[in-house]
């Protein structure tokens, strides 16, 4: 039986990747301007719940296997239909997920009505998400203030990472070290926890509904620091940078994908202050790729190429904290 005929452009206009994932019970969570998932339809779940699948609602990318495309590519994978051999069936499956009617029985008036209703729902969802984010971020400073300044278990964890000198930069929950995530105008907007022990679920997690669009380290401290500005990825690398370069402004990204955002913001200010930038990427494909993007953003912000450096921590180290634990300087 031939698949019902659907208008491809209408399907692309009305169905998002987030809606397609939800229809197949794949959980996603908002992370700033995009959504993230621990599960890829092609290569499965990430190790220890690590987020590896990213979508902005129109395009998607798996950081692990490289699977990427638009909503039709995604529906084909989810429905087990090869678009190279049966593209009309993929369009039909996507159209049905969107609640559309085949073009043979759908009127222009109906299509306009459906589009308006879907736009109304999306606008309402975005409004509610933005409201939840504002409320969550407004509570973040109080959450940070309420955390403990000492913890026996937490100190043991810091010692295993050779980060005990960074004690002033952390606070503790019952099971994690915590650091504030600062907005780019110097306000605590999130609190990110790194668990003492590995186990099921994500080892690093921020407050529910808070954005990741910020950095570890207060970027407004530029004038009270000296030397190149250090930009790293993750909680432990940020604390490692604070141990290695206490006199410098060290900024950390809550995920490699935030490195370009930080570089664009800080690059303008660093160029004006005639301060260099030093990037310390994780030695994996994602870390290297995102630092390359971050360097492009720094150049776009006006940084001279001679003032931008990259520190390779060198094998066998995977990141800056590995280097610190190994006694490197």
C-alpha atoms as a PDB file:
ATOM      1  CA  UNK A   1       0.000   0.000   0.000  1.00  0.00           C
ATOM      2  CA  UNK A   2       1.360   3.426  -0.969  1.00  0.00           C
ATOM      3  CA  UNK A   3       1.854   6.002   1.754  1.00  0.00           C
ATOM      4  CA  UNK A   4      -0.587   8.909   1.791  1.00  0.00           C
ATOM      5  CA  UNK A   5       0.770  12.009   0.054  1.00  0.00           C
ATOM      6  CA  UNK A   6       1.803  14.862   2.370  1.00  0.00           C
ATOM      7  CA  UNK A   7       3.212  18.270   1.578  1.00  0.00           C
ATOM      8  CA  UNK A   8       6.917  18.069   2.542  1.00  0.00           C
ATOM      9  CA  UNK A   9       7.337  21.820   3.139  1.00  0.00           C
ATOM     10  CA  UNK A  10       4.290  21.872   5.406  1.00  0.00           C
ATOM     11  CA  UNK A  11       5.589  18.904   7.404  1.00  0.00           C
ATOM     12  CA  UNK A  12       8.965  20.611   7.846  1.00  0.00           C
ATOM     13  CA  UNK A  13       7.204  23.789   8.916  1.00  0.00           C
ATOM     14  CA  UNK A  14       4.910  22.164  11.463  1.00  0.00           C
ATOM     15  CA  UNK A  15       6.879  19.302  13.076  1.00  0.00           C
ATOM     16  CA  UNK A  16       9.920  19.910  15.268  1.00  0.00           C
ATOM     17  CA  UNK A  17      12.602  17.426  16.209  1.00  0.00           C
ATOM     18  CA  UNK A  18      11.601  17.839  19.869  1.00  0.00           C
ATOM     19  CA  UNK A  19       8.030  16.789  19.058  1.00  0.00           C
ATOM     20  CA  UNK A  20       9.265  13.820  17.042  1.00  0.00           C
ATOM     21  CA  UNK A  21      11.486  12.639  19.898  1.00  0.00           C
ATOM     22  CA  UNK A  22       8.618  13.007  22.371  1.00  0.00           C
ATOM     23  CA  UNK A  23       6.351  10.907  20.150  1.00  0.00           C
ATOM     24  CA  UNK A  24       8.844   8.043  20.476  1.00  0.00           C
ATOM     25  CA  UNK A  25       9.273   8.529  24.254  1.00  0.00           C
ATOM     26  CA  UNK A  26      12.805   9.921  24.048  1.00  0.00           C
ATOM     27  CA  UNK A  27      13.206  12.400  26.897  1.00  0.00           C
ATOM     28  CA  UNK A  28      14.729  15.797  26.217  1.00  0.00           C
ATOM     29  CA  UNK A  29      15.465  18.709  28.543  1.00  0.00           C
ATOM     30  CA  UNK A  30      15.904  22.354  27.779  1.00  0.00           C
ATOM     31  CA  UNK A  31      19.474  23.666  27.975  1.00  0.00           C
ATOM     32  CA  UNK A  32      19.441  27.378  27.228  1.00  0.00           C
ATOM     33  CA  UNK A  33      18.447  27.868  23.594  1.00  0.00           C
ATOM     34  CA  UNK A  34      18.345  24.184  22.714  1.00  0.00           C
ATOM     35  CA  UNK A  35      17.296  20.795  24.032  1.00  0.00           C
ATOM     36  CA  UNK A  36      19.527  17.930  25.116  1.00  0.00           C
ATOM     37  CA  UNK A  37      19.042  14.193  25.553  1.00  0.00           C
ATOM     38  CA  UNK A  38      21.126  11.345  26.917  1.00  0.00           C
ATOM     39  CA  UNK A  39      19.830   9.087  24.152  1.00  0.00           C
ATOM     40  CA  UNK A  40      20.467   9.045  20.416  1.00  0.00           C
ATOM     41  CA  UNK A  41      18.001   7.131  18.199  1.00  0.00           C
ATOM     42  CA  UNK A  42      20.925   5.658  16.281  1.00  0.00           C
ATOM     43  CA  UNK A  43      23.633   4.796  18.856  1.00  0.00           C
ATOM     44  CA  UNK A  44      21.616   4.550  22.073  1.00  0.00           C
ATOM     45  CA  UNK A  45      22.193   5.994  25.519  1.00  0.00           C
ATOM     46  CA  UNK A  46      25.327   7.802  26.560  1.00  0.00           C
ATOM     47  CA  UNK A  47      27.669   6.490  29.231  1.00  0.00           C
ATOM     48  CA  UNK A  48      26.572   7.345  32.781  1.00  0.00           C
ATOM     49  CA  UNK A  49      23.714   9.495  31.533  1.00  0.00           C
ATOM     50  CA  UNK A  50      25.955  12.027  29.831  1.00  0.00           C
ATOM     51  CA  UNK A  51      24.051  14.356  27.539  1.00  0.00           C
ATOM     52  CA  UNK A  52      25.161  13.724  23.972  1.00  0.00           C
ATOM     53  CA  UNK A  53      22.226  14.535  21.685  1.00  0.00           C
ATOM     54  CA  UNK A  54      21.451  18.155  20.896  1.00  0.00           C
ATOM     55  CA  UNK A  55      18.629  19.804  18.933  1.00  0.00           C
ATOM     56  CA  UNK A  56      17.387  23.334  18.418  1.00  0.00           C
ATOM     57  CA  UNK A  57      13.968  22.086  17.313  1.00  0.00           C
ATOM     58  CA  UNK A  58      14.821  22.093  13.594  1.00  0.00           C
ATOM     59  CA  UNK A  59      18.218  20.392  13.328  1.00  0.00           C
ATOM     60  CA  UNK A  60      19.851  17.784  15.536  1.00  0.00           C
ATOM     61  CA  UNK A  61      23.302  16.352  16.205  1.00  0.00           C
ATOM     62  CA  UNK A  62      24.632  13.427  18.233  1.00  0.00           C
ATOM     63  CA  UNK A  63      28.045  14.320  19.642  1.00  0.00           C
ATOM     64  CA  UNK A  64      28.943  10.632  19.986  1.00  0.00           C
ATOM     65  CA  UNK A  65      28.189   9.079  16.583  1.00  0.00           C
ATOM     66  CA  UNK A  66      27.806  12.195  14.426  1.00  0.00           C
ATOM     67  CA  UNK A  67      24.226  11.385  13.356  1.00  0.00           C
ATOM     68  CA  UNK A  68      22.657  14.677  12.237  1.00  0.00           C
ATOM     69  CA  UNK A  69      19.987  16.169  10.000  1.00  0.00           C
ATOM     70  CA  UNK A  70      16.490  17.614   9.980  1.00  0.00           C
ATOM     71  CA  UNK A  71      13.202  16.326  11.355  1.00  0.00           C
ATOM     72  CA  UNK A  72      12.589  14.034   8.354  1.00  0.00           C
ATOM     73  CA  UNK A  73      15.971  12.357   8.849  1.00  0.00           C
ATOM     74  CA  UNK A  74      15.089  11.880  12.497  1.00  0.00           C
ATOM     75  CA  UNK A  75      11.607  10.477  11.834  1.00  0.00           C
ATOM     76  CA  UNK A  76      13.034   8.042   9.303  1.00  0.00           C
ATOM     77  CA  UNK A  77      15.458   6.718  11.922  1.00  0.00           C
ATOM     78  CA  UNK A  78      12.813   6.577  14.659  1.00  0.00           C
ATOM     79  CA  UNK A  79      10.265   4.838  12.430  1.00  0.00           C
ATOM     80  CA  UNK A  80      12.777   2.465  10.858  1.00  0.00           C
ATOM     81  CA  UNK A  81      12.210   3.813   7.336  1.00  0.00           C
ATOM     82  CA  UNK A  82      15.180   4.394   5.045  1.00  0.00           C
ATOM     83  CA  UNK A  83      14.584   7.781   3.361  1.00  0.00           C
ATOM     84  CA  UNK A  84      16.901   6.810   0.494  1.00  0.00           C
ATOM     85  CA  UNK A  85      14.522   4.013  -0.522  1.00  0.00           C
ATOM     86  CA  UNK A  86      11.125   5.289   0.624  1.00  0.00           C
ATOM     87  CA  UNK A  87      11.199   9.017   1.189  1.00  0.00           C
ATOM     88  CA  UNK A  88       7.401   9.497   0.700  1.00  0.00           C
ATOM     89  CA  UNK A  89       6.814   7.086   3.603  1.00  0.00           C
ATOM     90  CA  UNK A  90       9.112   9.166   5.823  1.00  0.00           C
ATOM     91  CA  UNK A  91       7.219  12.346   4.912  1.00  0.00           C
ATOM     92  CA  UNK A  92       3.921  10.574   5.581  1.00  0.00           C
ATOM     93  CA  UNK A  93       5.075   9.305   8.971  1.00  0.00           C
ATOM     94  CA  UNK A  94       6.220  12.808   9.909  1.00  0.00           C
ATOM     95  CA  UNK A  95       2.963  14.294   8.671  1.00  0.00           C
ATOM     96  CA  UNK A  96       0.949  11.914  10.806  1.00  0.00           C
ATOM     97  CA  UNK A  97       3.057  12.832  13.866  1.00  0.00           C
ATOM     98  CA  UNK A  98       2.294  16.477  13.153  1.00  0.00           C
ATOM     99  CA  UNK A  99      -1.424  15.705  13.004  1.00  0.00           C
ATOM    100  CA  UNK A 100      -1.692  16.774   9.369  1.00  0.00           C
ATOM    101  CA  UNK A 101      -4.014  15.446   6.693  1.00  0.00           C
ATOM    102  CA  UNK A 102      -2.817  14.171   3.305  1.00  0.00           C
ATOM    103  CA  UNK A 103      -2.744  16.897   0.667  1.00  0.00           C
ATOM    104  CA  UNK A 104      -5.513  15.123  -1.258  1.00  0.00           C
ATOM    105  CA  UNK A 105      -8.040  15.901   1.490  1.00  0.00           C
ATOM    106  CA  UNK A 106      -6.539  18.948   3.186  1.00  0.00           C
ATOM    107  CA  UNK A 107      -7.811  22.426   2.346  1.00  0.00           C
ATOM    108  CA  UNK A 108      -5.753  25.610   2.442  1.00  0.00           C
ATOM    109  CA  UNK A 109      -7.982  26.905   5.216  1.00  0.00           C
ATOM    110  CA  UNK A 110      -7.287  23.789   7.303  1.00  0.00           C
ATOM    111  CA  UNK A 111      -3.533  24.078   6.774  1.00  0.00           C
ATOM    112  CA  UNK A 112      -3.537  27.736   7.827  1.00  0.00           C
ATOM    113  CA  UNK A 113      -5.595  26.897  10.918  1.00  0.00           C
ATOM    114  CA  UNK A 114      -3.256  24.059  11.934  1.00  0.00           C
ATOM    115  CA  UNK A 115      -0.186  26.209  11.445  1.00  0.00           C
ATOM    116  CA  UNK A 116      -1.640  29.007  13.559  1.00  0.00           C
ATOM    117  CA  UNK A 117      -2.559  26.555  16.333  1.00  0.00           C
ATOM    118  CA  UNK A 118       0.891  24.998  16.385  1.00  0.00           C
ATOM    119  CA  UNK A 119       2.542  28.423  16.491  1.00  0.00           C
ATOM    120  CA  UNK A 120       0.250  29.400  19.362  1.00  0.00           C
ATOM    121  CA  UNK A 121       1.259  26.269  21.315  1.00  0.00           C
ATOM    122  CA  UNK A 122       4.945  26.809  20.649  1.00  0.00           C
ATOM    123  CA  UNK A 123       4.737  30.431  21.746  1.00  0.00           C
ATOM    124  CA  UNK A 124       2.955  29.429  24.938  1.00  0.00           C
ATOM    125  CA  UNK A 125       5.495  26.666  25.655  1.00  0.00           C
ATOM    126  CA  UNK A 126       8.362  29.107  25.133  1.00  0.00           C
ATOM    127  CA  UNK A 127       6.675  31.680  27.391  1.00  0.00           C
ATOM    128  CA  UNK A 128       6.189  29.143  30.176  1.00  0.00           C
ATOM    129  CA  UNK A 129       9.771  27.876  29.809  1.00  0.00           C
ATOM    130  CA  UNK A 130      11.154  31.430  29.942  1.00  0.00           C
ATOM    131  CA  UNK A 131       9.078  32.187  33.035  1.00  0.00           C
ATOM    132  CA  UNK A 132      10.264  29.007  34.761  1.00  0.00           C
ATOM    133  CA  UNK A 133      13.860  29.885  33.875  1.00  0.00           C
ATOM    134  CA  UNK A 134      13.588  33.409  35.280  1.00  0.00           C
ATOM    135  CA  UNK A 135      12.109  32.114  38.537  1.00  0.00           C
ATOM    136  CA  UNK A 136      14.730  29.356  38.872  1.00  0.00           C
ATOM    137  CA  UNK A 137      17.632  31.704  38.163  1.00  0.00           C
ATOM    138  CA  UNK A 138      16.311  34.244  40.670  1.00  0.00           C
ATOM    139  CA  UNK A 139      16.507  31.511  43.360  1.00  0.00           C
ATOM    140  CA  UNK A 140      20.053  30.436  42.443  1.00  0.00           C
ATOM    141  CA  UNK A 141      21.937  32.956  44.677  1.00  0.00           C
ATOM    142  CA  UNK A 142      19.973  31.772  47.724  1.00  0.00           C
ATOM    143  CA  UNK A 143      20.684  28.139  46.871  1.00  0.00           C
ATOM    144  CA  UNK A 144      24.402  28.944  46.693  1.00  0.00           C
ATOM    145  CA  UNK A 145      24.299  30.867  49.979  1.00  0.00           C
ATOM    146  CA  UNK A 146      22.587  27.932  51.710  1.00  0.00           C
ATOM    147  CA  UNK A 147      25.253  25.341  50.858  1.00  0.00           C
ATOM    148  CA  UNK A 148      27.848  24.166  53.377  1.00  0.00           C
ATOM    149  CA  UNK A 149      31.345  25.662  53.274  1.00  0.00           C
ATOM    150  CA  UNK A 150      32.979  22.469  54.547  1.00  0.00           C
ATOM    151  CA  UNK A 151      32.519  18.733  54.115  1.00  0.00           C
ATOM    152  CA  UNK A 152      34.791  15.897  55.128  1.00  0.00           C
ATOM    153  CA  UNK A 153      33.691  13.767  52.193  1.00  0.00           C
ATOM    154  CA  UNK A 154      33.945  16.748  49.880  1.00  0.00           C
ATOM    155  CA  UNK A 155      37.503  17.500  50.966  1.00  0.00           C
ATOM    156  CA  UNK A 156      38.477  13.901  50.340  1.00  0.00           C
ATOM    157  CA  UNK A 157      37.089  14.212  46.831  1.00  0.00           C
ATOM    158  CA  UNK A 158      39.015  17.423  46.206  1.00  0.00           C
ATOM    159  CA  UNK A 159      42.202  15.726  47.426  1.00  0.00           C
ATOM    160  CA  UNK A 160      41.739  12.871  44.951  1.00  0.00           C
ATOM    161  CA  UNK A 161      41.623  15.529  42.241  1.00  0.00           C
ATOM    162  CA  UNK A 162      44.479  17.552  43.805  1.00  0.00           C
ATOM    163  CA  UNK A 163      42.096  20.494  44.040  1.00  0.00           C
ATOM    164  CA  UNK A 164      42.117  21.161  47.783  1.00  0.00           C
ATOM    165  CA  UNK A 165      43.716  24.582  47.132  1.00  0.00           C
ATOM    166  CA  UNK A 166      40.460  25.592  45.398  1.00  0.00           C
ATOM    167  CA  UNK A 167      38.402  25.142  48.584  1.00  0.00           C
ATOM    168  CA  UNK A 168      37.385  28.826  48.585  1.00  0.00           C
ATOM    169  CA  UNK A 169      35.713  28.397  45.184  1.00  0.00           C
ATOM    170  CA  UNK A 170      33.393  25.536  46.158  1.00  0.00           C
ATOM    171  CA  UNK A 171      30.596  24.661  48.537  1.00  0.00           C
ATOM    172  CA  UNK A 172      29.089  21.312  49.343  1.00  0.00           C
ATOM    173  CA  UNK A 173      25.798  19.460  49.276  1.00  0.00           C
ATOM    174  CA  UNK A 174      25.509  16.069  50.958  1.00  0.00           C
ATOM    175  CA  UNK A 175      26.834  14.257  47.882  1.00  0.00           C
ATOM    176  CA  UNK A 176      28.557  16.790  45.639  1.00  0.00           C
ATOM    177  CA  UNK A 177      30.921  19.699  45.312  1.00  0.00           C
ATOM    178  CA  UNK A 178      29.067  22.744  44.009  1.00  0.00           C
ATOM    179  CA  UNK A 179      30.185  25.821  42.086  1.00  0.00           C
ATOM    180  CA  UNK A 180      28.177  28.848  40.933  1.00  0.00           C
ATOM    181  CA  UNK A 181      27.479  29.489  37.277  1.00  0.00           C
ATOM    182  CA  UNK A 182      27.656  33.231  36.637  1.00  0.00           C
ATOM    183  CA  UNK A 183      25.741  35.211  34.063  1.00  0.00           C
ATOM    184  CA  UNK A 184      27.874  37.255  31.711  1.00  0.00           C
ATOM    185  CA  UNK A 185      26.979  40.397  33.681  1.00  0.00           C
ATOM    186  CA  UNK A 186      28.226  38.931  36.971  1.00  0.00           C
ATOM    187  CA  UNK A 187      25.142  37.467  38.683  1.00  0.00           C
ATOM    188  CA  UNK A 188      24.859  33.882  39.995  1.00  0.00           C
ATOM    189  CA  UNK A 189      22.281  32.264  37.701  1.00  0.00           C
ATOM    190  CA  UNK A 190      22.756  28.550  38.419  1.00  0.00           C
ATOM    191  CA  UNK A 191      24.517  26.212  40.828  1.00  0.00           C
ATOM    192  CA  UNK A 192      26.242  23.193  39.300  1.00  0.00           C
ATOM    193  CA  UNK A 193      26.984  20.072  41.343  1.00  0.00           C
ATOM    194  CA  UNK A 194      29.659  17.456  40.625  1.00  0.00           C
ATOM    195  CA  UNK A 195      28.992  14.221  42.525  1.00  0.00           C
ATOM    196  CA  UNK A 196      31.668  12.745  44.780  1.00  0.00           C
ATOM    197  CA  UNK A 197      31.059   9.240  43.406  1.00  0.00           C
ATOM    198  CA  UNK A 198      30.252   8.021  39.910  1.00  0.00           C
ATOM    199  CA  UNK A 199      27.077   6.033  39.392  1.00  0.00           C
ATOM    200  CA  UNK A 200      23.857   5.942  37.360  1.00  0.00           C
ATOM    201  CA  UNK A 201      22.656   9.253  36.006  1.00  0.00           C
ATOM    202  CA  UNK A 202      24.577  12.427  35.199  1.00  0.00           C
ATOM    203  CA  UNK A 203      27.626  13.128  37.359  1.00  0.00           C
ATOM    204  CA  UNK A 204      27.351  16.878  36.769  1.00  0.00           C
ATOM    205  CA  UNK A 205      24.013  18.619  37.092  1.00  0.00           C
ATOM    206  CA  UNK A 206      22.683  22.156  37.448  1.00  0.00           C
ATOM    207  CA  UNK A 207      19.485  23.430  39.020  1.00  0.00           C
ATOM    208  CA  UNK A 208      16.237  22.504  37.288  1.00  0.00           C
ATOM    209  CA  UNK A 209      15.056  25.098  34.711  1.00  0.00           C
ATOM    210  CA  UNK A 210      18.202  27.243  35.020  1.00  0.00           C
ATOM    211  CA  UNK A 211      20.050  28.088  31.811  1.00  0.00           C
ATOM    212  CA  UNK A 212      23.593  26.894  31.056  1.00  0.00           C
ATOM    213  CA  UNK A 213      24.285  30.147  29.206  1.00  0.00           C
ATOM    214  CA  UNK A 214      26.920  31.440  31.614  1.00  0.00           C
ATOM    215  CA  UNK A 215      30.331  30.509  32.969  1.00  0.00           C
ATOM    216  CA  UNK A 216      32.159  29.267  36.033  1.00  0.00           C
ATOM    217  CA  UNK A 217      34.032  32.282  37.362  1.00  0.00           C
ATOM    218  CA  UNK A 218      32.741  35.849  37.518  1.00  0.00           C
ATOM    219  CA  UNK A 219      33.567  37.483  34.153  1.00  0.00           C
ATOM    220  CA  UNK A 220      33.273  40.983  35.646  1.00  0.00           C
ATOM    221  CA  UNK A 221      36.534  40.373  37.573  1.00  0.00           C
ATOM    222  CA  UNK A 222      38.576  41.140  34.467  1.00  0.00           C
ATOM    223  CA  UNK A 223      40.021  44.379  35.891  1.00  0.00           C
ATOM    224  CA  UNK A 224      41.116  42.759  39.178  1.00  0.00           C
ATOM    225  CA  UNK A 225      43.134  39.983  37.491  1.00  0.00           C
ATOM    226  CA  UNK A 226      46.238  39.882  35.332  1.00  0.00           C
ATOM    227  CA  UNK A 227      47.706  37.867  32.489  1.00  0.00           C
ATOM    228  CA  UNK A 228      45.875  35.943  29.755  1.00  0.00           C
ATOM    229  CA  UNK A 229      42.263  34.950  30.402  1.00  0.00           C
ATOM    230  CA  UNK A 230      41.966  31.168  30.679  1.00  0.00           C
ATOM    231  CA  UNK A 231      38.907  29.423  29.175  1.00  0.00           C
ATOM    232  CA  UNK A 232      38.292  25.764  30.020  1.00  0.00           C
ATOM    233  CA  UNK A 233      35.511  23.172  29.967  1.00  0.00           C
ATOM    234  CA  UNK A 234      33.782  21.740  33.034  1.00  0.00           C
ATOM    235  CA  UNK A 235      33.816  22.024  36.818  1.00  0.00           C
ATOM    236  CA  UNK A 236      37.055  20.166  37.597  1.00  0.00           C
ATOM    237  CA  UNK A 237      39.013  21.874  34.828  1.00  0.00           C
ATOM    238  CA  UNK A 238      37.805  25.266  36.062  1.00  0.00           C
ATOM    239  CA  UNK A 239      38.949  24.452  39.600  1.00  0.00           C
ATOM    240  CA  UNK A 240      42.253  23.178  38.152  1.00  0.00           C
ATOM    241  CA  UNK A 241      42.703  26.498  36.368  1.00  0.00           C
ATOM    242  CA  UNK A 242      42.038  28.348  39.612  1.00  0.00           C
ATOM    243  CA  UNK A 243      44.753  26.259  41.318  1.00  0.00           C
ATOM    244  CA  UNK A 244      47.304  26.725  38.524  1.00  0.00           C
ATOM    245  CA  UNK A 245      46.655  30.424  37.803  1.00  0.00           C
ATOM    246  CA  UNK A 246      45.179  32.117  40.911  1.00  0.00           C
ATOM    247  CA  UNK A 247      46.122  35.568  39.628  1.00  0.00           C
ATOM    248  CA  UNK A 248      44.295  35.131  36.314  1.00  0.00           C
ATOM    249  CA  UNK A 249      40.657  35.302  35.288  1.00  0.00           C
ATOM    250  CA  UNK A 250      39.699  31.658  34.705  1.00  0.00           C
ATOM    251  CA  UNK A 251      36.321  30.999  33.086  1.00  0.00           C
ATOM    252  CA  UNK A 252      34.746  27.580  32.649  1.00  0.00           C
ATOM    253  CA  UNK A 253      32.024  26.428  30.271  1.00  0.00           C
ATOM    254  CA  UNK A 254      29.163  24.269  31.573  1.00  0.00           C
ATOM    255  CA  UNK A 255      29.584  21.899  28.614  1.00  0.00           C
ATOM    256  CA  UNK A 256      31.847  22.225  25.573  1.00  0.00           C
ATOM    257  CA  UNK A 257      29.052  23.735  23.498  1.00  0.00           C
ATOM    258  CA  UNK A 258      29.186  26.898  25.618  1.00  0.00           C
ATOM    259  CA  UNK A 259      32.858  27.627  24.840  1.00  0.00           C
ATOM    260  CA  UNK A 260      32.079  29.703  21.703  1.00  0.00           C
ATOM    261  CA  UNK A 261      29.529  31.829  23.624  1.00  0.00           C
ATOM    262  CA  UNK A 262      32.082  32.636  26.320  1.00  0.00           C
ATOM    263  CA  UNK A 263      34.800  33.383  23.774  1.00  0.00           C
ATOM    264  CA  UNK A 264      32.571  35.796  21.855  1.00  0.00           C
ATOM    265  CA  UNK A 265      31.625  37.672  25.032  1.00  0.00           C
ATOM    266  CA  UNK A 266      35.058  37.755  26.633  1.00  0.00           C
ATOM    267  CA  UNK A 267      36.958  38.289  23.386  1.00  0.00           C
ATOM    268  CA  UNK A 268      35.645  41.834  22.941  1.00  0.00           C
ATOM    269  CA  UNK A 269      36.640  42.799  26.470  1.00  0.00           C
ATOM    270  CA  UNK A 270      39.993  41.029  26.305  1.00  0.00           C
ATOM    271  CA  UNK A 271      40.861  42.803  23.066  1.00  0.00           C
ATOM    272  CA  UNK A 272      39.978  46.203  24.587  1.00  0.00           C
ATOM    273  CA  UNK A 273      42.078  45.433  27.675  1.00  0.00           C
ATOM    274  CA  UNK A 274      44.938  44.034  25.565  1.00  0.00           C
ATOM    275  CA  UNK A 275      44.709  40.718  27.396  1.00  0.00           C
ATOM    276  CA  UNK A 276      45.327  37.387  25.707  1.00  0.00           C
ATOM    277  CA  UNK A 277      43.102  34.289  25.696  1.00  0.00           C
ATOM    278  CA  UNK A 278      44.345  30.812  26.602  1.00  0.00           C
ATOM    279  CA  UNK A 279      42.054  27.895  25.699  1.00  0.00           C
ATOM    280  CA  UNK A 280      42.556  24.504  27.354  1.00  0.00           C
ATOM    281  CA  UNK A 281      40.358  21.963  25.520  1.00  0.00           C
ATOM    282  CA  UNK A 282      39.494  18.426  26.489  1.00  0.00           C
ATOM    283  CA  UNK A 283      41.410  16.056  24.248  1.00  0.00           C
ATOM    284  CA  UNK A 284      38.325  14.529  22.624  1.00  0.00           C
ATOM    285  CA  UNK A 285      36.563  15.271  19.332  1.00  0.00           C
ATOM    286  CA  UNK A 286      33.864  17.420  20.922  1.00  0.00           C
ATOM    287  CA  UNK A 287      36.267  19.467  23.027  1.00  0.00           C
ATOM    288  CA  UNK A 288      38.620  20.142  20.131  1.00  0.00           C
ATOM    289  CA  UNK A 289      35.797  20.963  17.728  1.00  0.00           C
ATOM    290  CA  UNK A 290      34.164  23.418  20.143  1.00  0.00           C
ATOM    291  CA  UNK A 291      37.457  25.145  20.954  1.00  0.00           C
ATOM    292  CA  UNK A 292      38.010  25.610  17.213  1.00  0.00           C
ATOM    293  CA  UNK A 293      34.604  27.326  17.073  1.00  0.00           C
ATOM    294  CA  UNK A 294      35.476  29.354  20.171  1.00  0.00           C
ATOM    295  CA  UNK A 295      38.695  30.592  18.565  1.00  0.00           C
ATOM    296  CA  UNK A 296      36.713  31.713  15.515  1.00  0.00           C
ATOM    297  CA  UNK A 297      34.365  33.604  17.854  1.00  0.00           C
ATOM    298  CA  UNK A 298      37.347  35.234  19.590  1.00  0.00           C
ATOM    299  CA  UNK A 299      38.663  36.444  16.243  1.00  0.00           C
ATOM    300  CA  UNK A 300      35.181  37.703  15.362  1.00  0.00           C
ATOM    301  CA  UNK A 301      35.184  39.636  18.650  1.00  0.00           C
ATOM    302  CA  UNK A 302      38.369  41.419  17.619  1.00  0.00           C
ATOM    303  CA  UNK A 303      41.111  39.341  19.252  1.00  0.00           C
ATOM    304  CA  UNK A 304      44.452  39.491  17.372  1.00  0.00           C
ATOM    305  CA  UNK A 305      45.594  36.012  16.360  1.00  0.00           C
ATOM    306  CA  UNK A 306      48.911  36.435  18.206  1.00  0.00           C
ATOM    307  CA  UNK A 307      46.995  36.917  21.484  1.00  0.00           C
ATOM    308  CA  UNK A 308      45.079  33.631  21.251  1.00  0.00           C
ATOM    309  CA  UNK A 309      46.758  30.435  22.430  1.00  0.00           C
ATOM    310  CA  UNK A 310      45.730  26.818  22.956  1.00  0.00           C
ATOM    311  CA  UNK A 311      47.289  24.645  25.661  1.00  0.00           C
ATOM    312  CA  UNK A 312      47.489  20.963  24.730  1.00  0.00           C
ATOM    313  CA  UNK A 313      47.649  19.032  28.008  1.00  0.00           C
ATOM    314  CA  UNK A 314      49.347  16.197  26.135  1.00  0.00           C
ATOM    315  CA  UNK A 315      48.889  12.438  26.203  1.00  0.00           C
ATOM    316  CA  UNK A 316      48.106  10.499  28.299  1.00  0.00           C
ATOM    317  CA  UNK A 317      46.128  13.336  29.898  1.00  0.00           C
ATOM    318  CA  UNK A 318      42.578  13.915  28.659  1.00  0.00           C
ATOM    319  CA  UNK A 319      41.974  17.304  30.266  1.00  0.00           C
ATOM    320  CA  UNK A 320      43.487  19.938  32.546  1.00  0.00           C
ATOM    321  CA  UNK A 321      42.531  18.131  35.747  1.00  0.00           C
ATOM    322  CA  UNK A 322      44.297  14.997  34.499  1.00  0.00           C
ATOM    323  CA  UNK A 323      47.401  17.161  34.107  1.00  0.00           C
ATOM    324  CA  UNK A 324      47.049  18.555  37.628  1.00  0.00           C
ATOM    325  CA  UNK A 325      46.532  15.099  39.118  1.00  0.00           C
ATOM    326  CA  UNK A 326      49.646  13.964  37.302  1.00  0.00           C
ATOM    327  CA  UNK A 327      51.677  16.757  38.914  1.00  0.00           C
ATOM    328  CA  UNK A 328      51.893  18.880  35.762  1.00  0.00           C
ATOM    329  CA  UNK A 329      52.180  22.656  35.740  1.00  0.00           C
END
